[in-house]
Amino acid sequence: MNNLSKGSPIFKPENEPYLGRESVYHFDQVILSCLEANAEIAAYTHKNKLNDLQKAACQIIPQGINLALSIRELVRQGYLFASAVLMRPLIERAAIISYLHEKPEEVSLWLNGWQYRERPSLAMMLATMNKEVDTKQAQEICNTFNSLTHGDPIGSSFNLVKLTSGGVGYSVGKVLNEPEFCDFICYQSYCYLIVIMGRMAGCFPETKK
């Protein structure tokens, strides 16, 4: 599918290239739920005194949601590689708030500026996100998304696309015919946004109905 040939360089919700994909639908549903929960918590934070963990959450969680929305819009416009690159900072925000929620005694590190040599590694933080994930698995996740961010040869493989000639090449623009890559991005982002939602509820139990 290539709507660019029809004179539509900017896609809208009704004609985006991956419209109808189950992964996109589920990602959209989580985004809506997350925004609704965030609106409730935001109202609470403007009226109540917050503890240190909640203050940190007010900084970390909105960044994560913003990144998820950016990923979704890039998917809509067919910029799959760029959306995949943004998954690394989304994962990091989910990992940070998970780590601080599990270890509130470490919030002082955040309040002190989250200094590079003081804060835990991303792999260590990811291991607190899911008790079934060990540090080795967490490091494998880090390695994958670090490759995307830092532009090494492994990361470049995420930018390979099928050419109409039958070969493959590296994309410089919109990718409109890679549904499996779209699914990978949306399902992964969906999972980490769910983590952020869960930690949002955990950090602000007072807002639970």
N, C-alpha and C. Protein backbone atom coordinates (compact mmCIF):
# COMPACT_ATOMS: atom_id res chain seq x y z
N MET A 1 0.85 -1.19 0.00
CA MET A 1 0.00 0.00 0.00
C MET A 1 0.88 1.23 0.00
N ASN A 2 0.57 2.20 -0.85
CA ASN A 2 1.37 3.41 -0.93
C ASN A 2 0.49 4.57 -1.33
N ASN A 3 -0.08 5.24 -0.33
CA ASN A 3 -0.96 6.37 -0.60
C ASN A 3 -0.20 7.59 -1.10
N LEU A 4 1.12 7.58 -0.99
CA LEU A 4 1.88 8.71 -1.50
C LEU A 4 1.67 8.88 -2.99
N SER A 5 1.48 7.78 -3.69
CA SER A 5 1.28 7.85 -5.13
C SER A 5 -0.06 8.49 -5.48
N LYS A 6 -0.95 8.61 -4.49
CA LYS A 6 -2.26 9.21 -4.71
C LYS A 6 -2.29 10.66 -4.24
N GLY A 7 -1.12 11.20 -3.94
CA GLY A 7 -1.06 12.60 -3.56
C GLY A 7 -1.42 12.86 -2.11
N SER A 8 -1.18 11.91 -1.20
CA SER A 8 -1.50 12.08 0.22
C SER A 8 -0.24 11.91 1.06
N PRO A 9 0.66 12.91 1.07
CA PRO A 9 1.91 12.77 1.82
C PRO A 9 1.71 12.77 3.33
N ILE A 10 0.59 13.35 3.80
CA ILE A 10 0.28 13.37 5.22
C ILE A 10 -0.91 12.47 5.46
N PHE A 11 -0.72 11.43 6.24
CA PHE A 11 -1.81 10.49 6.50
C PHE A 11 -2.66 10.95 7.67
N LYS A 12 -3.94 10.65 7.59
CA LYS A 12 -4.90 10.95 8.64
C LYS A 12 -5.39 9.63 9.24
N PRO A 13 -6.09 9.68 10.39
CA PRO A 13 -6.55 8.43 11.01
C PRO A 13 -7.38 7.55 10.08
N GLU A 14 -8.06 8.16 9.12
CA GLU A 14 -8.92 7.35 8.25
C GLU A 14 -8.19 6.73 7.05
N ASN A 15 -6.96 7.14 6.79
CA ASN A 15 -6.26 6.57 5.63
C ASN A 15 -4.81 6.18 5.92
N GLU A 16 -4.46 6.04 7.19
CA GLU A 16 -3.08 5.70 7.53
C GLU A 16 -2.74 4.32 6.98
N PRO A 17 -1.48 4.08 6.67
CA PRO A 17 -1.10 2.86 5.94
C PRO A 17 -1.33 1.56 6.69
N TYR A 18 -1.28 1.58 8.02
CA TYR A 18 -1.44 0.33 8.78
C TYR A 18 -2.78 0.28 9.52
N LEU A 19 -3.73 1.05 9.03
CA LEU A 19 -5.08 1.05 9.60
C LEU A 19 -5.67 -0.35 9.52
N GLY A 20 -6.24 -0.81 10.63
CA GLY A 20 -6.85 -2.13 10.66
C GLY A 20 -5.96 -3.20 11.26
N ARG A 21 -4.67 -2.91 11.48
CA ARG A 21 -3.80 -3.87 12.12
C ARG A 21 -4.22 -4.05 13.57
N GLU A 22 -4.25 -5.28 14.03
CA GLU A 22 -4.65 -5.54 15.42
C GLU A 22 -3.70 -4.87 16.40
N SER A 23 -2.42 -4.85 16.07
CA SER A 23 -1.43 -4.23 16.95
C SER A 23 -1.70 -2.73 17.11
N VAL A 24 -2.06 -2.08 16.02
CA VAL A 24 -2.35 -0.65 16.06
C VAL A 24 -3.60 -0.39 16.90
N TYR A 25 -4.60 -1.23 16.71
CA TYR A 25 -5.85 -1.08 17.47
C TYR A 25 -5.59 -1.19 18.97
N HIS A 26 -4.84 -2.20 19.39
CA HIS A 26 -4.58 -2.38 20.82
C HIS A 26 -3.72 -1.25 21.38
N PHE A 27 -2.77 -0.79 20.60
CA PHE A 27 -1.95 0.34 21.03
C PHE A 27 -2.84 1.56 21.25
N ASP A 28 -3.75 1.81 20.33
CA ASP A 28 -4.67 2.94 20.45
C ASP A 28 -5.53 2.83 21.71
N GLN A 29 -6.01 1.64 22.01
CA GLN A 29 -6.86 1.45 23.17
C GLN A 29 -6.11 1.74 24.46
N VAL A 30 -4.86 1.30 24.54
CA VAL A 30 -4.06 1.56 25.73
C VAL A 30 -3.75 3.05 25.85
N ILE A 31 -3.47 3.69 24.73
CA ILE A 31 -3.22 5.13 24.76
C ILE A 31 -4.42 5.87 25.33
N LEU A 32 -5.62 5.53 24.87
CA LEU A 32 -6.83 6.20 25.37
C LEU A 32 -7.01 5.99 26.87
N SER A 33 -6.82 4.75 27.32
CA SER A 33 -6.96 4.45 28.75
C SER A 33 -5.91 5.20 29.57
N CYS A 34 -4.71 5.27 29.03
CA CYS A 34 -3.62 5.95 29.72
C CYS A 34 -3.89 7.44 29.84
N LEU A 35 -4.39 8.04 28.79
CA LEU A 35 -4.68 9.47 28.83
C LEU A 35 -5.81 9.78 29.81
N GLU A 36 -6.80 8.90 29.88
CA GLU A 36 -7.90 9.10 30.84
C GLU A 36 -7.38 9.02 32.27
N ALA A 37 -6.54 8.01 32.55
CA ALA A 37 -5.98 7.86 33.89
C ALA A 37 -5.08 9.04 34.24
N ASN A 38 -4.30 9.49 33.27
CA ASN A 38 -3.40 10.61 33.50
C ASN A 38 -4.17 11.88 33.84
N ALA A 39 -5.30 12.09 33.16
CA ALA A 39 -6.11 13.29 33.43
C ALA A 39 -6.62 13.29 34.87
N GLU A 40 -7.02 12.13 35.36
CA GLU A 40 -7.49 12.03 36.74
C GLU A 40 -6.36 12.30 37.73
N ILE A 41 -5.22 11.70 37.46
CA ILE A 41 -4.09 11.86 38.38
C ILE A 41 -3.55 13.29 38.33
N ALA A 42 -3.54 13.88 37.14
CA ALA A 42 -3.07 15.26 37.03
C ALA A 42 -3.92 16.19 37.89
N ALA A 43 -5.23 15.98 37.86
CA ALA A 43 -6.13 16.80 38.68
C ALA A 43 -5.82 16.62 40.16
N TYR A 44 -5.53 15.38 40.54
CA TYR A 44 -5.19 15.11 41.94
C TYR A 44 -3.90 15.81 42.34
N THR A 45 -2.90 15.78 41.48
CA THR A 45 -1.60 16.35 41.83
C THR A 45 -1.65 17.87 41.98
N HIS A 46 -2.62 18.50 41.34
CA HIS A 46 -2.73 19.96 41.43
C HIS A 46 -3.43 20.42 42.70
N LYS A 47 -3.99 19.46 43.45
CA LYS A 47 -4.78 19.83 44.63
C LYS A 47 -4.24 19.25 45.93
N ASN A 48 -3.24 18.37 45.83
CA ASN A 48 -2.79 17.65 47.03
C ASN A 48 -1.28 17.72 47.18
N LYS A 49 -0.84 17.55 48.41
CA LYS A 49 0.58 17.50 48.69
C LYS A 49 1.11 16.13 48.27
N LEU A 50 2.24 16.11 47.60
CA LEU A 50 2.78 14.88 47.05
C LEU A 50 4.02 14.43 47.80
N ASN A 51 4.20 13.11 47.88
CA ASN A 51 5.44 12.60 48.45
C ASN A 51 6.52 12.60 47.37
N ASP A 52 7.74 12.24 47.74
CA ASP A 52 8.86 12.34 46.81
C ASP A 52 8.69 11.42 45.60
N LEU A 53 8.17 10.21 45.83
CA LEU A 53 7.95 9.29 44.71
C LEU A 53 6.94 9.88 43.74
N GLN A 54 5.88 10.47 44.27
CA GLN A 54 4.86 11.06 43.41
C GLN A 54 5.41 12.26 42.64
N LYS A 55 6.28 13.02 43.26
CA LYS A 55 6.90 14.15 42.56
C LYS A 55 7.75 13.64 41.39
N ALA A 56 8.49 12.56 41.64
CA ALA A 56 9.29 11.98 40.56
C ALA A 56 8.39 11.43 39.46
N ALA A 57 7.30 10.77 39.85
CA ALA A 57 6.37 10.21 38.87
C ALA A 57 5.76 11.30 37.99
N CYS A 58 5.54 12.46 38.58
CA CYS A 58 4.97 13.58 37.81
C CYS A 58 5.91 14.06 36.71
N GLN A 59 7.18 13.78 36.85
CA GLN A 59 8.15 14.14 35.83
C GLN A 59 8.37 13.01 34.83
N ILE A 60 8.42 11.79 35.32
CA ILE A 60 8.77 10.64 34.48
C ILE A 60 7.61 10.17 33.62
N ILE A 61 6.44 10.01 34.22
CA ILE A 61 5.30 9.41 33.52
C ILE A 61 4.84 10.24 32.33
N PRO A 62 4.67 11.56 32.45
CA PRO A 62 4.27 12.33 31.28
C PRO A 62 5.25 12.21 30.10
N GLN A 63 6.55 12.09 30.41
CA GLN A 63 7.53 11.88 29.34
C GLN A 63 7.24 10.58 28.61
N GLY A 64 6.95 9.52 29.39
CA GLY A 64 6.66 8.23 28.77
C GLY A 64 5.43 8.28 27.89
N ILE A 65 4.38 8.94 28.37
CA ILE A 65 3.15 9.04 27.57
C ILE A 65 3.41 9.84 26.31
N ASN A 66 4.17 10.94 26.45
CA ASN A 66 4.49 11.76 25.29
C ASN A 66 5.25 10.96 24.24
N LEU A 67 6.18 10.14 24.68
CA LEU A 67 6.94 9.31 23.75
C LEU A 67 6.04 8.29 23.06
N ALA A 68 5.11 7.70 23.81
CA ALA A 68 4.18 6.74 23.22
C ALA A 68 3.32 7.40 22.15
N LEU A 69 2.85 8.61 22.42
CA LEU A 69 2.05 9.34 21.44
C LEU A 69 2.88 9.68 20.20
N SER A 70 4.14 10.01 20.41
CA SER A 70 5.03 10.32 19.28
C SER A 70 5.26 9.08 18.43
N ILE A 71 5.47 7.94 19.09
CA ILE A 71 5.63 6.68 18.36
C ILE A 71 4.39 6.39 17.53
N ARG A 72 3.24 6.58 18.14
CA ARG A 72 1.98 6.30 17.42
C ARG A 72 1.83 7.19 16.19
N GLU A 73 2.18 8.46 16.31
CA GLU A 73 2.04 9.35 15.16
C GLU A 73 3.05 9.01 14.07
N LEU A 74 4.25 8.61 14.45
CA LEU A 74 5.23 8.20 13.45
C LEU A 74 4.78 6.94 12.72
N VAL A 75 4.14 6.02 13.45
CA VAL A 75 3.58 4.83 12.79
C VAL A 75 2.49 5.26 11.81
N ARG A 76 1.67 6.19 12.22
CA ARG A 76 0.61 6.67 11.33
C ARG A 76 1.19 7.23 10.04
N GLN A 77 2.31 7.93 10.13
CA GLN A 77 2.90 8.56 8.96
C GLN A 77 3.86 7.63 8.21
N GLY A 78 4.04 6.41 8.72
CA GLY A 78 4.89 5.45 8.03
C GLY A 78 6.36 5.53 8.34
N TYR A 79 6.72 6.34 9.33
CA TYR A 79 8.13 6.45 9.71
C TYR A 79 8.45 5.40 10.77
N LEU A 80 8.53 4.16 10.34
CA LEU A 80 8.68 3.06 11.28
C LEU A 80 10.04 3.03 11.96
N PHE A 81 11.09 3.32 11.21
CA PHE A 81 12.42 3.28 11.83
C PHE A 81 12.52 4.32 12.95
N ALA A 82 12.06 5.53 12.69
CA ALA A 82 12.12 6.58 13.71
C ALA A 82 11.27 6.22 14.92
N SER A 83 10.12 5.60 14.68
CA SER A 83 9.28 5.20 15.81
C SER A 83 9.96 4.12 16.63
N ALA A 84 10.68 3.22 15.98
CA ALA A 84 11.41 2.18 16.70
C ALA A 84 12.53 2.78 17.55
N VAL A 85 13.20 3.80 17.03
CA VAL A 85 14.27 4.46 17.80
C VAL A 85 13.70 5.08 19.08
N LEU A 86 12.49 5.62 19.01
CA LEU A 86 11.89 6.24 20.19
C LEU A 86 11.46 5.22 21.23
N MET A 87 11.43 3.96 20.86
CA MET A 87 11.07 2.94 21.84
C MET A 87 12.09 2.86 22.97
N ARG A 88 13.36 3.12 22.66
CA ARG A 88 14.41 3.05 23.70
C ARG A 88 14.13 4.02 24.84
N PRO A 89 13.87 5.32 24.58
CA PRO A 89 13.56 6.21 25.70
C PRO A 89 12.22 5.89 26.36
N LEU A 90 11.26 5.34 25.61
CA LEU A 90 10.00 4.92 26.23
C LEU A 90 10.26 3.80 27.23
N ILE A 91 11.05 2.82 26.83
CA ILE A 91 11.40 1.71 27.71
C ILE A 91 12.11 2.23 28.96
N GLU A 92 13.00 3.19 28.77
CA GLU A 92 13.75 3.71 29.91
C GLU A 92 12.83 4.39 30.91
N ARG A 93 11.85 5.17 30.43
CA ARG A 93 10.92 5.82 31.37
C ARG A 93 10.11 4.79 32.13
N ALA A 94 9.65 3.74 31.43
CA ALA A 94 8.91 2.68 32.09
C ALA A 94 9.78 1.98 33.12
N ALA A 95 11.05 1.78 32.79
CA ALA A 95 11.97 1.12 33.71
C ALA A 95 12.28 1.98 34.93
N ILE A 96 12.47 3.28 34.71
CA ILE A 96 12.81 4.17 35.82
C ILE A 96 11.68 4.22 36.84
N ILE A 97 10.45 4.44 36.36
CA ILE A 97 9.35 4.56 37.32
C ILE A 97 9.07 3.22 37.99
N SER A 98 9.32 2.12 37.29
CA SER A 98 9.17 0.79 37.90
C SER A 98 10.19 0.60 39.01
N TYR A 99 11.43 0.97 38.73
CA TYR A 99 12.50 0.83 39.70
C TYR A 99 12.21 1.67 40.95
N LEU A 100 11.82 2.92 40.75
CA LEU A 100 11.56 3.80 41.90
C LEU A 100 10.34 3.35 42.68
N HIS A 101 9.35 2.80 41.98
CA HIS A 101 8.15 2.32 42.68
C HIS A 101 8.49 1.10 43.52
N GLU A 102 9.34 0.23 42.98
CA GLU A 102 9.74 -0.97 43.72
C GLU A 102 10.74 -0.66 44.84
N LYS A 103 11.53 0.40 44.63
CA LYS A 103 12.58 0.76 45.61
C LYS A 103 12.46 2.25 45.95
N PRO A 104 11.40 2.62 46.66
CA PRO A 104 11.18 4.05 46.95
C PRO A 104 12.32 4.70 47.71
N GLU A 105 13.13 3.90 48.40
CA GLU A 105 14.28 4.47 49.11
C GLU A 105 15.32 5.05 48.14
N GLU A 106 15.21 4.69 46.86
CA GLU A 106 16.15 5.18 45.85
C GLU A 106 15.69 6.48 45.17
N VAL A 107 14.53 6.98 45.57
CA VAL A 107 14.01 8.21 44.96
C VAL A 107 14.98 9.37 45.16
N SER A 108 15.76 9.31 46.22
CA SER A 108 16.74 10.38 46.48
C SER A 108 17.71 10.52 45.31
N LEU A 109 17.99 9.41 44.60
CA LEU A 109 18.86 9.49 43.43
C LEU A 109 18.23 10.35 42.34
N TRP A 110 16.93 10.21 42.18
CA TRP A 110 16.22 11.03 41.18
C TRP A 110 16.22 12.49 41.59
N LEU A 111 15.92 12.73 42.86
CA LEU A 111 15.88 14.10 43.35
C LEU A 111 17.24 14.77 43.30
N ASN A 112 18.29 13.94 43.30
CA ASN A 112 19.67 14.46 43.25
C ASN A 112 20.16 14.62 41.81
N GLY A 113 19.26 14.46 40.85
CA GLY A 113 19.63 14.69 39.45
C GLY A 113 19.84 13.44 38.62
N TRP A 114 19.65 12.25 39.25
CA TRP A 114 19.77 10.98 38.51
C TRP A 114 21.12 10.93 37.80
N GLN A 115 22.16 11.15 38.57
CA GLN A 115 23.51 11.24 38.03
C GLN A 115 23.94 9.91 37.41
N TYR A 116 24.69 10.00 36.32
CA TYR A 116 25.07 8.82 35.54
C TYR A 116 25.77 7.76 36.38
N ARG A 117 26.71 8.15 37.19
CA ARG A 117 27.50 7.17 37.95
C ARG A 117 26.79 6.70 39.23
N GLU A 118 25.67 7.31 39.54
CA GLU A 118 24.92 6.93 40.74
C GLU A 118 23.70 6.07 40.42
N ARG A 119 23.07 6.33 39.30
CA ARG A 119 21.81 5.63 38.99
C ARG A 119 22.10 4.20 38.54
N PRO A 120 21.12 3.31 38.69
CA PRO A 120 21.30 1.92 38.28
C PRO A 120 21.29 1.79 36.76
N SER A 121 21.80 0.69 36.26
CA SER A 121 21.79 0.45 34.82
C SER A 121 20.37 0.19 34.34
N LEU A 122 20.15 0.38 33.07
CA LEU A 122 18.82 0.12 32.51
C LEU A 122 18.45 -1.34 32.69
N ALA A 123 19.40 -2.23 32.51
CA ALA A 123 19.12 -3.66 32.67
C ALA A 123 18.66 -3.96 34.09
N MET A 124 19.29 -3.34 35.07
CA MET A 124 18.90 -3.56 36.45
C MET A 124 17.49 -3.04 36.71
N MET A 125 17.17 -1.90 36.12
CA MET A 125 15.83 -1.33 36.30
C MET A 125 14.78 -2.17 35.59
N LEU A 126 15.12 -2.67 34.42
CA LEU A 126 14.18 -3.53 33.69
C LEU A 126 13.86 -4.79 34.47
N ALA A 127 14.83 -5.29 35.19
CA ALA A 127 14.61 -6.51 35.96
C ALA A 127 13.59 -6.31 37.07
N THR A 128 13.37 -5.06 37.50
CA THR A 128 12.35 -4.80 38.52
C THR A 128 10.96 -4.65 37.91
N MET A 129 10.91 -4.56 36.59
CA MET A 129 9.63 -4.35 35.92
C MET A 129 8.79 -5.62 35.92
N ASN A 130 9.45 -6.74 35.79
CA ASN A 130 8.77 -8.02 35.73
C ASN A 130 9.61 -9.05 36.49
N LYS A 131 9.04 -9.60 37.52
CA LYS A 131 9.80 -10.52 38.37
C LYS A 131 10.24 -11.78 37.64
N GLU A 132 9.65 -12.03 36.44
CA GLU A 132 10.01 -13.21 35.67
C GLU A 132 11.20 -12.93 34.74
N VAL A 133 11.61 -11.69 34.65
CA VAL A 133 12.73 -11.30 33.78
C VAL A 133 13.99 -11.18 34.62
N ASP A 134 15.02 -11.93 34.27
CA ASP A 134 16.27 -11.81 35.01
C ASP A 134 17.16 -10.76 34.34
N THR A 135 18.28 -10.48 34.97
CA THR A 135 19.16 -9.42 34.48
C THR A 135 19.71 -9.75 33.09
N LYS A 136 19.96 -11.02 32.82
CA LYS A 136 20.48 -11.41 31.51
C LYS A 136 19.46 -11.10 30.41
N GLN A 137 18.20 -11.45 30.64
CA GLN A 137 17.16 -11.13 29.66
C GLN A 137 17.02 -9.62 29.49
N ALA A 138 17.07 -8.92 30.62
CA ALA A 138 16.96 -7.47 30.57
C ALA A 138 18.10 -6.87 29.76
N GLN A 139 19.31 -7.41 29.89
CA GLN A 139 20.45 -6.90 29.15
C GLN A 139 20.27 -7.14 27.65
N GLU A 140 19.67 -8.25 27.28
CA GLU A 140 19.41 -8.52 25.86
C GLU A 140 18.46 -7.49 25.28
N ILE A 141 17.45 -7.12 26.06
CA ILE A 141 16.52 -6.07 25.62
C ILE A 141 17.28 -4.76 25.43
N CYS A 142 18.12 -4.43 26.40
CA CYS A 142 18.93 -3.21 26.31
C CYS A 142 19.80 -3.21 25.07
N ASN A 143 20.45 -4.33 24.81
CA ASN A 143 21.36 -4.40 23.67
C ASN A 143 20.62 -4.15 22.35
N THR A 144 19.42 -4.72 22.23
CA THR A 144 18.64 -4.53 21.01
C THR A 144 18.31 -3.07 20.78
N PHE A 145 17.77 -2.43 21.80
CA PHE A 145 17.32 -1.06 21.61
C PHE A 145 18.46 -0.06 21.68
N ASN A 146 19.56 -0.42 22.33
CA ASN A 146 20.75 0.44 22.26
C ASN A 146 21.30 0.47 20.83
N SER A 147 21.22 -0.66 20.15
CA SER A 147 21.69 -0.73 18.76
C SER A 147 20.88 0.21 17.88
N LEU A 148 19.58 0.25 18.12
CA LEU A 148 18.72 1.15 17.35
C LEU A 148 19.10 2.61 17.60
N THR A 149 19.38 2.93 18.85
CA THR A 149 19.66 4.32 19.22
C THR A 149 21.03 4.78 18.75
N HIS A 150 22.02 3.92 18.89
CA HIS A 150 23.39 4.34 18.65
C HIS A 150 23.87 4.12 17.21
N GLY A 151 23.07 3.51 16.39
CA GLY A 151 23.38 3.44 14.97
C GLY A 151 24.48 2.47 14.60
N ASP A 152 24.54 1.33 15.27
CA ASP A 152 25.54 0.34 14.88
C ASP A 152 24.98 -0.59 13.79
N PRO A 153 25.78 -1.51 13.25
CA PRO A 153 25.30 -2.36 12.16
C PRO A 153 24.05 -3.17 12.50
N ILE A 154 23.94 -3.62 13.75
CA ILE A 154 22.73 -4.36 14.13
C ILE A 154 21.52 -3.45 14.05
N GLY A 155 21.67 -2.23 14.54
CA GLY A 155 20.57 -1.27 14.49
C GLY A 155 20.13 -0.95 13.07
N SER A 156 21.09 -0.93 12.15
CA SER A 156 20.75 -0.59 10.76
C SER A 156 19.84 -1.63 10.12
N SER A 157 19.86 -2.85 10.67
CA SER A 157 19.01 -3.89 10.09
C SER A 157 17.53 -3.57 10.26
N PHE A 158 17.21 -2.73 11.25
CA PHE A 158 15.82 -2.34 11.46
C PHE A 158 15.34 -1.39 10.36
N ASN A 159 16.25 -0.88 9.57
CA ASN A 159 15.88 0.06 8.51
C ASN A 159 15.85 -0.59 7.13
N LEU A 160 15.99 -1.91 7.09
CA LEU A 160 15.91 -2.63 5.81
C LEU A 160 14.47 -2.76 5.36
N VAL A 161 14.24 -2.52 4.07
CA VAL A 161 12.89 -2.68 3.51
C VAL A 161 12.97 -3.45 2.20
N LYS A 162 11.86 -4.07 1.85
CA LYS A 162 11.79 -4.79 0.58
C LYS A 162 11.59 -3.80 -0.55
N LEU A 163 12.33 -4.00 -1.64
CA LEU A 163 12.22 -3.14 -2.81
C LEU A 163 11.30 -3.78 -3.84
N THR A 164 10.70 -2.95 -4.67
CA THR A 164 9.80 -3.48 -5.70
C THR A 164 10.56 -4.34 -6.70
N SER A 165 11.86 -4.14 -6.79
CA SER A 165 12.67 -4.94 -7.71
C SER A 165 12.91 -6.36 -7.20
N GLY A 166 12.57 -6.57 -5.92
CA GLY A 166 12.75 -7.89 -5.33
C GLY A 166 13.88 -7.97 -4.34
N GLY A 167 14.72 -6.97 -4.30
CA GLY A 167 15.82 -6.95 -3.35
C GLY A 167 15.45 -6.21 -2.08
N VAL A 168 16.46 -5.79 -1.34
CA VAL A 168 16.24 -5.01 -0.13
C VAL A 168 17.12 -3.77 -0.15
N GLY A 169 16.72 -2.77 0.60
CA GLY A 169 17.49 -1.54 0.69
C GLY A 169 17.23 -0.86 2.01
N TYR A 170 17.90 0.26 2.24
CA TYR A 170 17.74 1.01 3.47
C TYR A 170 16.85 2.22 3.21
N SER A 171 15.80 2.32 3.98
CA SER A 171 14.80 3.37 3.76
C SER A 171 15.30 4.73 4.24
N VAL A 172 14.92 5.77 3.52
CA VAL A 172 15.19 7.15 3.96
C VAL A 172 13.91 7.89 4.29
N GLY A 173 12.77 7.23 4.14
CA GLY A 173 11.50 7.92 4.36
C GLY A 173 10.43 6.99 4.87
N LYS A 174 9.21 7.19 4.39
CA LYS A 174 8.06 6.42 4.85
C LYS A 174 8.18 4.96 4.41
N VAL A 175 7.77 4.07 5.31
CA VAL A 175 7.73 2.64 5.02
C VAL A 175 6.28 2.20 5.15
N LEU A 176 5.67 1.85 4.03
CA LEU A 176 4.23 1.62 4.00
C LEU A 176 3.84 0.17 3.79
N ASN A 177 4.79 -0.71 3.67
CA ASN A 177 4.46 -2.10 3.36
C ASN A 177 5.25 -3.09 4.20
N GLU A 178 5.44 -2.76 5.48
CA GLU A 178 6.14 -3.64 6.41
C GLU A 178 5.25 -3.89 7.64
N PRO A 179 4.15 -4.61 7.47
CA PRO A 179 3.21 -4.80 8.58
C PRO A 179 3.81 -5.50 9.79
N GLU A 180 4.74 -6.43 9.58
CA GLU A 180 5.34 -7.12 10.72
C GLU A 180 6.18 -6.18 11.57
N PHE A 181 6.87 -5.25 10.93
CA PHE A 181 7.65 -4.26 11.67
C PHE A 181 6.71 -3.34 12.44
N CYS A 182 5.61 -2.97 11.81
CA CYS A 182 4.59 -2.16 12.48
C CYS A 182 4.09 -2.89 13.73
N ASP A 183 3.81 -4.18 13.59
CA ASP A 183 3.31 -4.96 14.73
C ASP A 183 4.33 -5.00 15.85
N PHE A 184 5.59 -5.19 15.50
CA PHE A 184 6.65 -5.23 16.50
C PHE A 184 6.67 -3.93 17.31
N ILE A 185 6.63 -2.81 16.63
CA ILE A 185 6.68 -1.51 17.29
C ILE A 185 5.45 -1.29 18.17
N CYS A 186 4.27 -1.56 17.63
CA CYS A 186 3.04 -1.28 18.37
C CYS A 186 2.87 -2.20 19.57
N TYR A 187 3.16 -3.48 19.39
CA TYR A 187 3.01 -4.40 20.51
C TYR A 187 4.02 -4.13 21.61
N GLN A 188 5.26 -3.84 21.23
CA GLN A 188 6.27 -3.52 22.24
C GLN A 188 5.91 -2.23 22.98
N SER A 189 5.52 -1.21 22.24
CA SER A 189 5.17 0.07 22.85
C SER A 189 3.94 -0.08 23.73
N TYR A 190 3.01 -0.87 23.27
CA TYR A 190 1.79 -1.17 24.02
C TYR A 190 2.15 -1.77 25.39
N CYS A 191 3.06 -2.70 25.39
CA CYS A 191 3.45 -3.37 26.64
C CYS A 191 4.09 -2.40 27.62
N TYR A 192 4.98 -1.55 27.15
CA TYR A 192 5.66 -0.63 28.05
C TYR A 192 4.74 0.48 28.52
N LEU A 193 3.77 0.85 27.69
CA LEU A 193 2.80 1.85 28.13
C LEU A 193 1.89 1.26 29.21
N ILE A 194 1.58 -0.02 29.12
CA ILE A 194 0.81 -0.69 30.17
C ILE A 194 1.59 -0.67 31.48
N VAL A 195 2.91 -0.88 31.39
CA VAL A 195 3.74 -0.81 32.59
C VAL A 195 3.63 0.58 33.21
N ILE A 196 3.72 1.61 32.38
CA ILE A 196 3.62 2.98 32.89
C ILE A 196 2.27 3.21 33.54
N MET A 197 1.21 2.70 32.93
CA MET A 197 -0.13 2.83 33.52
C MET A 197 -0.19 2.16 34.89
N GLY A 198 0.38 0.97 34.98
CA GLY A 198 0.37 0.25 36.25
C GLY A 198 1.12 0.99 37.33
N ARG A 199 2.26 1.54 36.98
CA ARG A 199 3.05 2.28 37.96
C ARG A 199 2.37 3.60 38.31
N MET A 200 1.66 4.16 37.37
CA MET A 200 0.89 5.37 37.63
C MET A 200 -0.12 5.10 38.75
N ALA A 201 -0.83 3.99 38.62
CA ALA A 201 -1.82 3.61 39.63
C ALA A 201 -1.13 3.30 40.96
N GLY A 202 0.04 2.65 40.89
CA GLY A 202 0.75 2.31 42.11
C GLY A 202 1.30 3.52 42.85
N CYS A 203 1.73 4.52 42.11
CA CYS A 203 2.28 5.73 42.73
C CYS A 203 1.19 6.64 43.28
N PHE A 204 -0.01 6.51 42.72
CA PHE A 204 -1.11 7.37 43.16
C PHE A 204 -2.33 6.52 43.55
N PRO A 205 -2.19 5.70 44.58
CA PRO A 205 -3.30 4.83 44.98
C PRO A 205 -4.53 5.61 45.43
N GLU A 206 -4.33 6.86 45.83
CA GLU A 206 -5.45 7.67 46.30
C GLU A 206 -6.48 7.94 45.21
N THR A 207 -6.06 7.82 43.96
CA THR A 207 -6.98 8.14 42.85
C THR A 207 -7.79 6.95 42.39
N LYS A 208 -7.52 5.77 42.97
CA LYS A 208 -8.26 4.58 42.55
C LYS A 208 -9.71 4.70 42.96
N LYS A 209 -10.58 4.30 42.05
CA LYS A 209 -12.01 4.36 42.34
C LYS A 209 -12.44 3.15 43.16
